[in-house]
Amino acid sequence: MASVSFNRIEKDFGSTKVIHGIGFDISDGEFMVLVGPSGCGKSTLLRMLAGLEEISAGTIAIDGRVVNDMESKDRDIAMVFQSYALYPHMTVADNMAFSLKLRKAAPAMIEERVAKAAKILNLEPYLKRYPRELSGGQRQRVAMGRAIVRDPKVFLFDEPLSNLDAKLRVAMRGEIKALHQRLKTTTVYVTHDQVEAMTMADRIVVMHDGRVEQIGTPLELYDRPGNLFVAQFIGSPAMNVIEGTVRRANGAAHVEAGAGIRWPLGNASGGDGQRVAYGIRPEHLTLASATAAGAVAGEIIVVEPTGAETELLVQAGEAQIVLVTHGRPVVNPGDKIGLAVDPAMVHVFDKASGQRI
């Protein structure tokens, strides 16, 4: 196992700069997830750590040793890609053992490591099968087994679940997290899926346009997003954001939005007259009577039942608001309702900078 350190990393492709001075540390044994929209630079950063891309500026260290000029094969890392990249003419056992055979490892050690990895990943019944005889999830486990047998200092995962169906993705998320808890190997995991990031990570690095927006535990990012980008990226469904102006008078405060709608501010910051982006998560809104005191008046546009929860799209003034409620409320499109806001759950961001106030 090993720690990983990025120090002022930059990456250029010709005249185009895609990574802008990124720096952060990953602790020994930590499960760190790099998350962000397509094109934010997360896979490029992972490939630089793996030695598959040259570093334009800055340093990367593994276990305190700078690896900028070290060959990929000498970095003691193992990478699992989005594509399984299995050899179709080899059995599961041979695929898993291939890297050790290239190193001319002892046959007894190869057999021991393959057997151990197969047991961890529940692949023992499939060792003599070929990739074409396996399901997508089984192939992904073989790719993971190929990485495990190398017993590396660091595991790297580059969107490994993208090719799987929704149900299998959920199952594999749990398997990868359980695997990390057993092996305690430092893991760097890249995904664009914030649900994957929230459910798997010890800490998350949120990236955007080649920069780090915020680093923290999943719940830190959910409860106190540092800026508007993180607030809207973390959480599903996404946070509702309404533009407005802070109004304070007689000890009370609200945000005045379009069409005269007033959103309660509670103890949230913001000076009188300041232009802000007012944020409230769908799960922190509740249905109320259209005439209830303090409720924000709205009209239901769409009702989306999912079973345990019901998602409502509501028109409130000029803004469209998503509300998630438990159970099955008896409401229909066109109904006039009220939105009750929990003031303690309000997020306020400066309109110009996007930074949390």
Protein backbone atom coordinates (compact mmCIF):
# COMPACT_ATOMS: atom_id res chain seq x y z
CA MET A 1 0.00 0.00 0.00
CA ALA A 2 1.12 3.58 -0.54
CA SER A 3 0.15 7.23 -0.40
CA VAL A 4 -0.17 9.27 -3.60
CA SER A 5 0.65 12.96 -3.97
CA PHE A 6 -0.17 15.32 -6.85
CA ASN A 7 1.82 18.58 -6.74
CA ARG A 8 0.87 21.43 -9.13
CA ILE A 9 0.13 19.05 -12.00
CA GLU A 10 -0.37 20.58 -15.45
CA LYS A 11 -1.10 18.93 -18.77
CA ASP A 12 -0.98 20.47 -22.24
CA PHE A 13 -1.99 18.98 -25.56
CA GLY A 14 -0.17 21.37 -27.87
CA SER A 15 -1.54 24.84 -27.19
CA THR A 16 -4.52 23.47 -25.26
CA LYS A 17 -4.13 23.22 -21.48
CA VAL A 18 -6.42 20.60 -19.94
CA ILE A 19 -5.05 20.35 -16.37
CA HIS A 20 -4.37 23.60 -14.47
CA GLY A 21 -2.02 23.20 -11.50
CA ILE A 22 -3.88 20.45 -9.59
CA GLY A 23 -2.52 19.39 -6.21
CA PHE A 24 -3.85 17.08 -3.48
CA ASP A 25 -2.80 14.04 -1.43
CA ILE A 26 -4.31 10.57 -1.14
CA SER A 27 -3.65 8.74 2.12
CA ASP A 28 -2.35 5.19 2.41
CA GLY A 29 -5.31 2.80 2.04
CA GLU A 30 -7.80 5.53 1.06
CA PHE A 31 -10.54 5.11 -1.57
CA MET A 32 -10.42 8.40 -3.49
CA VAL A 33 -12.90 9.12 -6.27
CA LEU A 34 -12.27 11.69 -9.02
CA VAL A 35 -15.63 12.88 -10.32
CA GLY A 36 -16.76 15.47 -12.79
CA PRO A 37 -18.44 15.95 -16.17
CA SER A 38 -16.93 14.61 -19.39
CA GLY A 39 -13.86 16.60 -20.42
CA CYS A 40 -12.98 17.83 -16.91
CA GLY A 41 -9.58 16.07 -16.95
CA LYS A 42 -10.17 13.27 -14.44
CA SER A 43 -9.16 10.40 -16.74
CA THR A 44 -6.15 12.38 -17.98
CA LEU A 45 -5.02 12.84 -14.38
CA LEU A 46 -5.43 9.09 -13.76
CA ARG A 47 -3.47 8.24 -16.90
CA MET A 48 -0.64 10.52 -15.79
CA LEU A 49 -0.56 8.69 -12.46
CA ALA A 50 -0.44 5.39 -14.36
CA GLY A 51 2.39 6.61 -16.61
CA LEU A 52 0.27 6.46 -19.76
CA GLU A 53 0.43 10.25 -20.31
CA GLU A 54 3.40 12.56 -19.94
CA ILE A 55 3.23 15.29 -17.29
CA SER A 56 3.68 18.83 -18.63
CA ALA A 57 4.53 20.35 -15.23
CA GLY A 58 4.47 19.40 -11.55
CA THR A 59 5.24 16.11 -9.83
CA ILE A 60 3.45 12.89 -8.92
CA ALA A 61 4.76 10.82 -6.02
CA ILE A 62 3.81 7.28 -4.97
CA ASP A 63 4.84 6.33 -1.44
CA GLY A 64 6.98 9.47 -1.27
CA ARG A 65 8.90 8.66 -4.47
CA VAL A 66 8.52 10.95 -7.51
CA VAL A 67 7.50 8.84 -10.51
CA ASN A 68 7.44 11.44 -13.31
CA ASP A 69 10.23 9.74 -15.28
CA MET A 70 9.49 6.19 -14.17
CA GLU A 71 8.12 3.64 -16.63
CA SER A 72 4.52 2.58 -16.08
CA LYS A 73 5.55 -1.03 -15.41
CA ASP A 74 7.87 0.10 -12.61
CA ARG A 75 5.32 2.16 -10.68
CA ASP A 76 3.73 -0.83 -8.92
CA ILE A 77 0.18 0.14 -9.90
CA ALA A 78 -2.63 -1.87 -11.50
CA MET A 79 -5.33 -0.33 -13.68
CA VAL A 80 -8.85 -1.49 -14.53
CA PHE A 81 -10.24 0.14 -17.67
CA GLN A 82 -13.74 0.89 -18.94
CA SER A 83 -13.27 -1.85 -21.54
CA TYR A 84 -12.48 -5.22 -20.02
CA ALA A 85 -9.53 -5.76 -22.41
CA LEU A 86 -9.52 -9.53 -21.86
CA TYR A 87 -7.70 -11.90 -24.23
CA PRO A 88 -10.50 -13.86 -25.94
CA HIS A 89 -8.31 -16.94 -26.63
CA MET A 90 -7.30 -17.29 -22.95
CA THR A 91 -9.27 -18.79 -20.08
CA VAL A 92 -10.19 -16.74 -17.03
CA ALA A 93 -7.26 -18.22 -15.12
CA ASP A 94 -4.81 -17.45 -17.94
CA ASN A 95 -6.11 -13.88 -18.29
CA MET A 96 -5.61 -13.28 -14.59
CA ALA A 97 -2.14 -14.86 -14.57
CA PHE A 98 -0.83 -13.22 -17.75
CA SER A 99 1.01 -10.26 -16.16
CA LEU A 100 2.74 -12.57 -13.66
CA LYS A 101 3.83 -14.90 -16.46
CA LEU A 102 5.35 -11.93 -18.30
CA ARG A 103 7.37 -11.20 -15.16
CA LYS A 104 8.47 -14.86 -15.14
CA ALA A 105 7.05 -15.37 -11.67
CA ALA A 106 7.25 -18.83 -10.13
CA PRO A 107 4.37 -21.11 -11.24
CA ALA A 108 3.49 -21.91 -7.61
CA MET A 109 3.16 -18.20 -6.79
CA ILE A 110 1.05 -17.59 -9.90
CA GLU A 111 -1.31 -20.42 -9.01
CA GLU A 112 -1.59 -19.20 -5.40
CA ARG A 113 -2.36 -15.60 -6.36
CA VAL A 114 -4.89 -16.55 -9.05
CA ALA A 115 -6.66 -18.88 -6.61
CA LYS A 116 -6.73 -16.17 -3.94
CA ALA A 117 -8.12 -13.52 -6.33
CA ALA A 118 -10.70 -15.96 -7.70
CA LYS A 119 -11.92 -16.71 -4.19
CA ILE A 120 -12.18 -13.00 -3.31
CA LEU A 121 -14.17 -12.28 -6.49
CA ASN A 122 -16.29 -15.46 -6.52
CA LEU A 123 -14.73 -16.56 -9.81
CA GLU A 124 -13.65 -20.05 -8.76
CA PRO A 125 -16.34 -21.84 -10.87
CA TYR A 126 -15.32 -19.88 -13.99
CA LEU A 127 -11.51 -20.26 -14.08
CA LYS A 128 -11.60 -22.62 -17.09
CA ARG A 129 -14.12 -20.59 -19.07
CA TYR A 130 -13.33 -18.13 -21.86
CA PRO A 131 -14.45 -14.45 -21.79
CA ARG A 132 -17.16 -15.12 -24.40
CA GLU A 133 -18.80 -17.52 -21.94
CA LEU A 134 -19.11 -14.88 -19.21
CA SER A 135 -21.62 -12.12 -18.43
CA GLY A 136 -20.59 -8.47 -18.37
CA GLY A 137 -20.29 -8.43 -14.59
CA GLN A 138 -18.19 -11.60 -14.59
CA ARG A 139 -15.85 -10.14 -17.22
CA GLN A 140 -15.45 -7.03 -15.11
CA ARG A 141 -14.55 -9.18 -12.12
CA VAL A 142 -11.93 -10.97 -14.22
CA ALA A 143 -10.42 -7.59 -15.14
CA MET A 144 -10.35 -6.74 -11.44
CA GLY A 145 -8.80 -10.13 -10.66
CA ARG A 146 -6.05 -9.48 -13.18
CA ALA A 147 -5.22 -6.34 -11.20
CA ILE A 148 -5.44 -8.04 -7.80
CA VAL A 149 -2.97 -10.82 -8.62
CA ARG A 150 -0.26 -8.21 -9.15
CA ASP A 151 -0.63 -7.14 -5.50
CA PRO A 152 0.06 -3.48 -6.41
CA LYS A 153 0.60 -0.47 -4.16
CA VAL A 154 -2.24 1.43 -5.88
CA PHE A 155 -5.39 0.36 -7.77
CA LEU A 156 -6.59 2.66 -10.55
CA PHE A 157 -10.15 2.36 -11.91
CA ASP A 158 -11.16 4.32 -15.03
CA GLU A 159 -14.99 4.29 -15.25
CA PRO A 160 -15.09 0.47 -14.90
CA LEU A 161 -18.89 0.21 -14.65
CA SER A 162 -19.88 2.30 -17.67
CA ASN A 163 -20.57 -0.75 -19.87
CA LEU A 164 -22.88 -2.47 -17.38
CA ASP A 165 -26.67 -2.27 -17.07
CA ALA A 166 -28.19 -0.31 -14.17
CA LYS A 167 -28.86 -3.29 -11.88
CA LEU A 168 -25.40 -4.76 -12.40
CA ARG A 169 -23.75 -1.38 -11.80
CA VAL A 170 -25.33 -1.25 -8.34
CA ALA A 171 -24.14 -4.77 -7.55
CA MET A 172 -20.61 -4.09 -8.81
CA ARG A 173 -20.41 -0.86 -6.80
CA GLY A 174 -20.93 -2.90 -3.68
CA GLU A 175 -18.41 -5.53 -4.80
CA ILE A 176 -15.66 -2.99 -5.47
CA LYS A 177 -16.23 -1.24 -2.14
CA ALA A 178 -16.23 -4.57 -0.28
CA LEU A 179 -13.06 -5.54 -2.13
CA HIS A 180 -11.35 -2.36 -0.94
CA GLN A 181 -12.45 -2.96 2.62
CA ARG A 182 -10.85 -6.43 2.50
CA LEU A 183 -7.60 -5.51 0.74
CA LYS A 184 -7.11 -1.98 2.18
CA THR A 185 -5.16 -1.02 -0.95
CA THR A 186 -4.96 2.65 -1.94
CA THR A 187 -7.54 3.14 -4.70
CA VAL A 188 -8.10 5.97 -7.19
CA TYR A 189 -11.44 5.67 -8.99
CA VAL A 190 -12.61 7.85 -11.89
CA THR A 191 -16.30 8.27 -12.73
CA HIS A 192 -18.70 10.86 -14.10
CA ASP A 193 -21.53 9.32 -12.04
CA GLN A 194 -21.93 11.24 -8.78
CA VAL A 195 -24.04 8.44 -7.28
CA GLU A 196 -21.08 6.08 -7.71
CA ALA A 197 -18.84 8.68 -6.11
CA MET A 198 -21.16 9.26 -3.14
CA THR A 199 -21.69 5.58 -2.37
CA MET A 200 -18.10 4.35 -2.78
CA ALA A 201 -15.65 7.07 -1.78
CA ASP A 202 -13.81 7.81 1.44
CA ARG A 203 -13.21 11.24 -0.10
CA ILE A 204 -14.23 12.82 -3.40
CA VAL A 205 -12.34 15.21 -5.66
CA VAL A 206 -14.84 17.22 -7.72
CA MET A 207 -13.21 18.43 -10.95
CA HIS A 208 -14.36 20.93 -13.56
CA ASP A 209 -12.49 22.27 -16.60
CA GLY A 210 -9.17 20.87 -15.43
CA ARG A 211 -9.36 22.30 -11.92
CA VAL A 212 -10.32 20.97 -8.50
CA GLU A 213 -13.56 22.56 -7.31
CA GLN A 214 -13.73 20.91 -3.87
CA ILE A 215 -12.34 17.93 -1.94
CA GLY A 216 -14.16 16.28 0.95
CA THR A 217 -16.10 13.30 2.23
CA PRO A 218 -19.36 12.53 0.38
CA LEU A 219 -21.51 14.02 3.15
CA GLU A 220 -19.29 17.13 3.47
CA LEU A 221 -19.84 17.86 -0.22
CA TYR A 222 -23.56 17.15 0.08
CA ASP A 223 -24.12 19.21 3.25
CA ARG A 224 -21.77 22.15 2.55
CA PRO A 225 -20.92 22.49 -1.14
CA GLY A 226 -18.29 25.18 -1.54
CA ASN A 227 -19.70 26.63 -4.74
CA LEU A 228 -22.63 26.46 -7.13
CA PHE A 229 -21.00 23.89 -9.43
CA VAL A 230 -20.46 21.37 -6.62
CA ALA A 231 -23.94 22.07 -5.22
CA GLN A 232 -25.61 21.21 -8.52
CA PHE A 233 -23.31 18.29 -9.37
CA ILE A 234 -23.54 16.40 -6.06
CA GLY A 235 -26.97 15.03 -5.19
CA SER A 236 -29.65 13.28 -7.23
CA PRO A 237 -32.02 14.79 -8.22
CA ALA A 238 -29.92 17.93 -8.49
CA MET A 239 -30.30 20.85 -6.10
CA ASN A 240 -32.94 23.44 -7.02
CA VAL A 241 -31.32 26.81 -7.68
CA ILE A 242 -33.32 30.05 -7.87
CA GLU A 243 -31.86 33.44 -8.69
CA GLY A 244 -32.99 36.32 -6.51
CA THR A 245 -32.14 39.20 -4.18
CA VAL A 246 -31.69 39.05 -0.41
CA ARG A 247 -34.16 41.21 1.53
CA ARG A 248 -33.74 41.81 5.27
CA ALA A 249 -36.14 43.81 7.44
CA ASN A 250 -37.25 43.72 11.09
CA GLY A 251 -35.07 40.71 11.87
CA ALA A 252 -36.62 38.57 9.09
CA ALA A 253 -34.96 37.59 5.84
CA HIS A 254 -35.97 36.09 2.52
CA VAL A 255 -34.81 35.89 -1.08
CA GLU A 256 -37.04 37.72 -3.50
CA ALA A 257 -37.24 35.89 -6.85
CA GLY A 258 -39.15 36.58 -10.06
CA ALA A 259 -42.95 37.04 -10.02
CA GLY A 260 -42.78 38.25 -6.42
CA ILE A 261 -42.02 34.80 -4.98
CA ARG A 262 -40.30 34.90 -1.56
CA TRP A 263 -38.05 32.07 -0.40
CA PRO A 264 -37.34 31.90 3.36
CA LEU A 265 -33.70 32.48 4.25
CA GLY A 266 -33.55 31.46 7.91
CA ASN A 267 -30.10 32.08 9.38
CA ALA A 268 -28.30 31.82 6.04
CA SER A 269 -25.84 34.56 5.14
CA GLY A 270 -26.21 37.30 2.56
CA GLY A 271 -26.41 41.08 2.80
CA ASP A 272 -29.55 43.08 2.10
CA GLY A 273 -29.82 43.72 -1.65
CA GLN A 274 -27.22 41.11 -2.59
CA ARG A 275 -27.84 39.12 -5.76
CA VAL A 276 -27.68 35.43 -4.92
CA ALA A 277 -28.37 31.91 -6.13
CA TYR A 278 -30.69 30.31 -3.59
CA GLY A 279 -30.36 26.54 -3.31
CA ILE A 280 -32.64 23.94 -1.74
CA ARG A 281 -32.45 20.19 -2.35
CA PRO A 282 -35.62 18.38 -3.58
CA GLU A 283 -35.68 16.17 -0.48
CA HIS A 284 -35.66 19.23 1.82
CA LEU A 285 -38.99 20.52 0.48
CA THR A 286 -42.36 19.26 1.69
CA LEU A 287 -45.88 19.58 0.34
CA ALA A 288 -48.13 22.08 2.09
CA SER A 289 -51.43 23.80 1.52
CA ALA A 290 -51.32 26.57 -1.07
CA THR A 291 -52.48 29.00 1.66
CA ALA A 292 -50.20 27.75 4.47
CA ALA A 293 -48.22 30.44 6.28
CA GLY A 294 -44.67 30.76 4.94
CA ALA A 295 -45.26 28.29 2.10
CA VAL A 296 -44.17 29.14 -1.44
CA ALA A 297 -47.11 28.94 -3.83
CA GLY A 298 -46.75 26.68 -6.84
CA GLU A 299 -48.53 24.62 -9.46
CA ILE A 300 -47.75 20.97 -10.20
CA ILE A 301 -46.56 20.34 -13.77
CA VAL A 302 -45.49 16.68 -13.70
CA VAL A 303 -45.99 13.81 -11.24
CA GLU A 304 -43.41 10.99 -11.41
CA PRO A 305 -44.15 8.08 -9.02
CA THR A 306 -41.25 5.68 -8.44
CA GLY A 307 -42.83 3.50 -5.76
CA ALA A 308 -41.33 4.41 -2.41
CA GLU A 309 -41.01 8.06 -3.48
CA THR A 310 -42.81 10.50 -5.74
CA GLU A 311 -40.99 13.19 -7.67
CA LEU A 312 -42.93 16.37 -8.48
CA LEU A 313 -42.04 19.11 -10.93
CA VAL A 314 -43.58 22.36 -9.68
CA GLN A 315 -43.81 25.81 -11.26
CA ALA A 316 -43.13 28.42 -8.57
CA GLY A 317 -43.13 31.89 -10.08
CA GLU A 318 -40.59 31.87 -12.92
CA ALA A 319 -38.71 28.85 -11.56
CA GLN A 320 -39.35 25.14 -12.02
CA ILE A 321 -38.74 23.26 -8.77
CA VAL A 322 -38.26 19.54 -8.17
CA LEU A 323 -39.66 18.08 -4.94
CA VAL A 324 -39.14 14.51 -3.71
CA THR A 325 -41.69 13.24 -1.24
CA HIS A 326 -41.93 9.85 0.45
CA GLY A 327 -45.06 7.86 -0.18
CA ARG A 328 -47.76 8.55 -2.75
CA PRO A 329 -49.40 11.94 -2.34
CA VAL A 330 -52.77 12.36 -4.04
CA VAL A 331 -51.87 15.18 -6.43
CA ASN A 332 -52.26 15.79 -10.14
CA PRO A 333 -50.82 18.12 -12.78
CA GLY A 334 -52.48 21.52 -12.49
CA ASP A 335 -53.05 21.31 -8.72
CA LYS A 336 -52.20 24.44 -6.71
CA ILE A 337 -49.92 23.51 -3.82
CA GLY A 338 -47.54 25.08 -1.35
CA LEU A 339 -43.84 24.31 -0.88
CA ALA A 340 -42.66 24.30 2.73
CA VAL A 341 -38.93 24.99 3.05
CA ASP A 342 -36.71 23.83 5.91
CA PRO A 343 -34.67 27.05 6.50
CA ALA A 344 -31.84 25.06 8.11
CA MET A 345 -31.28 23.27 4.79
CA VAL A 346 -30.99 26.39 2.63
CA HIS A 347 -27.77 27.05 0.64
CA VAL A 348 -26.90 30.55 -0.56
CA PHE A 349 -24.27 31.37 -3.20
CA ASP A 350 -23.03 34.70 -4.52
CA LYS A 351 -24.59 35.18 -7.97
CA ALA A 352 -21.45 36.68 -9.55
CA SER A 353 -18.74 34.34 -8.23
CA GLY A 354 -20.80 31.22 -7.53
CA GLN A 355 -19.05 30.84 -4.16
CA ARG A 356 -20.91 29.83 -1.03
CA ILE A 357 -21.84 32.76 1.23
